[in-house]
Amino acid sequence: MGISKIELFTKQQNEIAAIAKALSHPARIAIIQALLKKNSCVCGDLVEETGLAQSTTSQHLKELRNVGIIQGTVEGVNVCYCIDLKTWAKYSDLFAKFFAATSDLKDQCC
């Protein structure tokens, strides 16, 4: 596999790519939707919600934690997860600006 050469791109471009990569699996989207729907910390329900094995679900949670979309708190032997609202708002704004770049485009595509 080749080198990504991330230094060739802006901080914003690398950040959008990292978030998009974290969101690129349907199980992660399902996890985020479950957390948004509950609007609270969720512990063991996420395995049932995704229908995946505990270890697979944990790996997806790790990817979401790595980009800061979710946060976890330890409660006994469980880790309870919720959306990190500050990071969620930041990423929402970042993507809104990214997609808003098309607002000035005319229908001039090939």
C-alpha atoms as a PDB file:
ATOM      1  CA  MET A   1       0.000   0.000   0.000  1.00  0.00           C
ATOM      2  CA  GLY A   2       1.320   3.436  -0.927  1.00  0.00           C
ATOM      3  CA  ILE A   3       2.080   6.353   1.317  1.00  0.00           C
ATOM      4  CA  SER A   4      -0.888   8.701   1.786  1.00  0.00           C
ATOM      5  CA  LYS A   5       1.227  11.883   1.671  1.00  0.00           C
ATOM      6  CA  ILE A   6      -1.167  13.707   3.977  1.00  0.00           C
ATOM      7  CA  GLU A   7       1.296  16.589   4.233  1.00  0.00           C
ATOM      8  CA  LEU A   8       0.332  17.563   0.668  1.00  0.00           C
ATOM      9  CA  PHE A   9      -3.166  18.483   1.837  1.00  0.00           C
ATOM     10  CA  THR A  10      -4.588  21.119   4.142  1.00  0.00           C
ATOM     11  CA  LYS A  11      -5.506  20.430   7.749  1.00  0.00           C
ATOM     12  CA  GLN A  12      -9.167  20.801   6.797  1.00  0.00           C
ATOM     13  CA  GLN A  13      -8.890  18.333   3.904  1.00  0.00           C
ATOM     14  CA  ASN A  14      -7.218  15.769   6.146  1.00  0.00           C
ATOM     15  CA  GLU A  15      -9.817  16.302   8.869  1.00  0.00           C
ATOM     16  CA  ILE A  16     -12.750  15.847   6.476  1.00  0.00           C
ATOM     17  CA  ALA A  17     -11.120  12.697   5.091  1.00  0.00           C
ATOM     18  CA  ALA A  18     -10.585  11.259   8.584  1.00  0.00           C
ATOM     19  CA  ILE A  19     -14.203  11.886   9.567  1.00  0.00           C
ATOM     20  CA  ALA A  20     -15.492  10.492   6.276  1.00  0.00           C
ATOM     21  CA  LYS A  21     -13.377   7.372   6.791  1.00  0.00           C
ATOM     22  CA  ALA A  22     -14.793   6.908  10.293  1.00  0.00           C
ATOM     23  CA  LEU A  23     -18.321   7.264   8.914  1.00  0.00           C
ATOM     24  CA  SER A  24     -17.690   4.980   5.947  1.00  0.00           C
ATOM     25  CA  HIS A  25     -19.118   1.802   7.453  1.00  0.00           C
ATOM     26  CA  PRO A  26     -22.867   1.198   7.801  1.00  0.00           C
ATOM     27  CA  ALA A  27     -22.397  -0.306  11.271  1.00  0.00           C
ATOM     28  CA  ARG A  28     -20.872   2.972  12.460  1.00  0.00           C
ATOM     29  CA  ILE A  29     -23.783   4.907  10.997  1.00  0.00           C
ATOM     30  CA  ALA A  30     -26.168   2.544  12.831  1.00  0.00           C
ATOM     31  CA  ILE A  31     -24.252   3.095  16.081  1.00  0.00           C
ATOM     32  CA  ILE A  32     -24.411   6.875  15.692  1.00  0.00           C
ATOM     33  CA  GLN A  33     -28.121   6.753  14.868  1.00  0.00           C
ATOM     34  CA  ALA A  34     -28.773   4.596  17.933  1.00  0.00           C
ATOM     35  CA  LEU A  35     -26.894   7.023  20.163  1.00  0.00           C
ATOM     36  CA  LEU A  36     -28.681  10.023  18.660  1.00  0.00           C
ATOM     37  CA  LYS A  37     -32.070   8.343  19.086  1.00  0.00           C
ATOM     38  CA  LYS A  38     -31.461   7.476  22.740  1.00  0.00           C
ATOM     39  CA  ASN A  39     -29.951  10.887  23.516  1.00  0.00           C
ATOM     40  CA  SER A  40     -28.139   9.340  26.463  1.00  0.00           C
ATOM     41  CA  CYS A  41     -25.303   7.014  27.294  1.00  0.00           C
ATOM     42  CA  VAL A  42     -25.716   3.489  25.992  1.00  0.00           C
ATOM     43  CA  CYS A  43     -23.825   0.505  27.339  1.00  0.00           C
ATOM     44  CA  GLY A  44     -24.672  -3.003  26.140  1.00  0.00           C
ATOM     45  CA  ASP A  45     -27.500  -2.154  23.752  1.00  0.00           C
ATOM     46  CA  LEU A  46     -25.190  -1.390  20.849  1.00  0.00           C
ATOM     47  CA  VAL A  47     -24.361  -5.047  20.210  1.00  0.00           C
ATOM     48  CA  GLU A  48     -28.070  -5.790  19.902  1.00  0.00           C
ATOM     49  CA  GLU A  49     -28.612  -2.661  17.816  1.00  0.00           C
ATOM     50  CA  THR A  50     -25.992  -3.616  15.222  1.00  0.00           C
ATOM     51  CA  GLY A  51     -26.481  -7.366  15.301  1.00  0.00           C
ATOM     52  CA  LEU A  52     -22.708  -7.751  15.246  1.00  0.00           C
ATOM     53  CA  ALA A  53     -20.403  -9.572  17.633  1.00  0.00           C
ATOM     54  CA  GLN A  54     -19.221  -7.719  20.738  1.00  0.00           C
ATOM     55  CA  SER A  55     -15.638  -7.560  19.439  1.00  0.00           C
ATOM     56  CA  THR A  56     -16.745  -6.184  16.061  1.00  0.00           C
ATOM     57  CA  THR A  57     -18.966  -3.584  17.693  1.00  0.00           C
ATOM     58  CA  SER A  58     -16.078  -2.586  19.970  1.00  0.00           C
ATOM     59  CA  GLN A  59     -13.823  -2.091  16.953  1.00  0.00           C
ATOM     60  CA  HIS A  60     -16.375   0.205  15.325  1.00  0.00           C
ATOM     61  CA  LEU A  61     -16.759   2.136  18.584  1.00  0.00           C
ATOM     62  CA  LYS A  62     -12.983   2.556  18.715  1.00  0.00           C
ATOM     63  CA  GLU A  63     -12.958   4.109  15.230  1.00  0.00           C
ATOM     64  CA  LEU A  64     -15.688   6.562  16.211  1.00  0.00           C
ATOM     65  CA  ARG A  65     -13.867   7.405  19.454  1.00  0.00           C
ATOM     66  CA  ASN A  66     -10.611   7.995  17.575  1.00  0.00           C
ATOM     67  CA  VAL A  67     -12.126  10.905  15.641  1.00  0.00           C
ATOM     68  CA  GLY A  68     -13.990  12.172  18.715  1.00  0.00           C
ATOM     69  CA  ILE A  69     -17.543  11.616  17.463  1.00  0.00           C
ATOM     70  CA  ILE A  70     -18.387   9.590  20.547  1.00  0.00           C
ATOM     71  CA  GLN A  71     -17.106   9.506  24.084  1.00  0.00           C
ATOM     72  CA  GLY A  72     -17.259   6.786  26.661  1.00  0.00           C
ATOM     73  CA  THR A  73     -17.421   6.684  30.425  1.00  0.00           C
ATOM     74  CA  VAL A  74     -16.630   3.661  32.542  1.00  0.00           C
ATOM     75  CA  GLU A  75     -19.472   2.477  34.756  1.00  0.00           C
ATOM     76  CA  GLY A  76     -18.359  -0.605  36.653  1.00  0.00           C
ATOM     77  CA  VAL A  77     -17.371  -3.213  34.084  1.00  0.00           C
ATOM     78  CA  ASN A  78     -19.226  -1.424  31.267  1.00  0.00           C
ATOM     79  CA  VAL A  79     -18.325   1.520  29.099  1.00  0.00           C
ATOM     80  CA  CYS A  80     -21.280   3.728  28.272  1.00  0.00           C
ATOM     81  CA  TYR A  81     -21.171   5.745  25.056  1.00  0.00           C
ATOM     82  CA  CYS A  82     -22.766   8.957  23.886  1.00  0.00           C
ATOM     83  CA  ILE A  83     -22.300  11.512  21.131  1.00  0.00           C
ATOM     84  CA  ASP A  84     -19.709  14.176  21.931  1.00  0.00           C
ATOM     85  CA  LEU A  85     -21.950  17.134  21.111  1.00  0.00           C
ATOM     86  CA  LYS A  86     -19.113  19.665  20.882  1.00  0.00           C
ATOM     87  CA  THR A  87     -17.244  17.544  18.333  1.00  0.00           C
ATOM     88  CA  TRP A  88     -20.500  16.664  16.552  1.00  0.00           C
ATOM     89  CA  ALA A  89     -21.268  20.381  16.090  1.00  0.00           C
ATOM     90  CA  LYS A  90     -17.734  21.058  14.862  1.00  0.00           C
ATOM     91  CA  TYR A  91     -17.907  18.275  12.265  1.00  0.00           C
ATOM     92  CA  SER A  92     -21.417  19.271  11.243  1.00  0.00           C
ATOM     93  CA  ASP A  93     -20.171  22.788  10.548  1.00  0.00           C
ATOM     94  CA  LEU A  94     -17.117  21.475   8.698  1.00  0.00           C
ATOM     95  CA  PHE A  95     -19.249  19.315   6.384  1.00  0.00           C
ATOM     96  CA  ALA A  96     -21.832  22.082   5.913  1.00  0.00           C
ATOM     97  CA  LYS A  97     -19.076  24.409   4.658  1.00  0.00           C
ATOM     98  CA  PHE A  98     -17.654  21.632   2.479  1.00  0.00           C
ATOM     99  CA  PHE A  99     -21.016  20.932   0.818  1.00  0.00           C
ATOM    100  CA  ALA A 100     -21.942  24.626   0.640  1.00  0.00           C
ATOM    101  CA  ALA A 101     -19.111  25.104  -1.856  1.00  0.00           C
ATOM    102  CA  THR A 102     -21.515  23.812  -4.498  1.00  0.00           C
ATOM    103  CA  SER A 103     -24.095  26.526  -3.870  1.00  0.00           C
ATOM    104  CA  ASP A 104     -22.449  28.882  -6.391  1.00  0.00           C
ATOM    105  CA  LEU A 105     -22.002  26.272  -9.099  1.00  0.00           C
ATOM    106  CA  LYS A 106     -24.127  26.504 -12.185  1.00  0.00           C
ATOM    107  CA  ASP A 107     -25.381  23.461 -14.060  1.00  0.00           C
ATOM    108  CA  GLN A 108     -22.298  23.448 -16.274  1.00  0.00           C
ATOM    109  CA  CYS A 109     -21.030  19.936 -15.785  1.00  0.00           C
ATOM    110  CA  CYS A 110     -19.872  17.978 -18.844  1.00  0.00           C
END
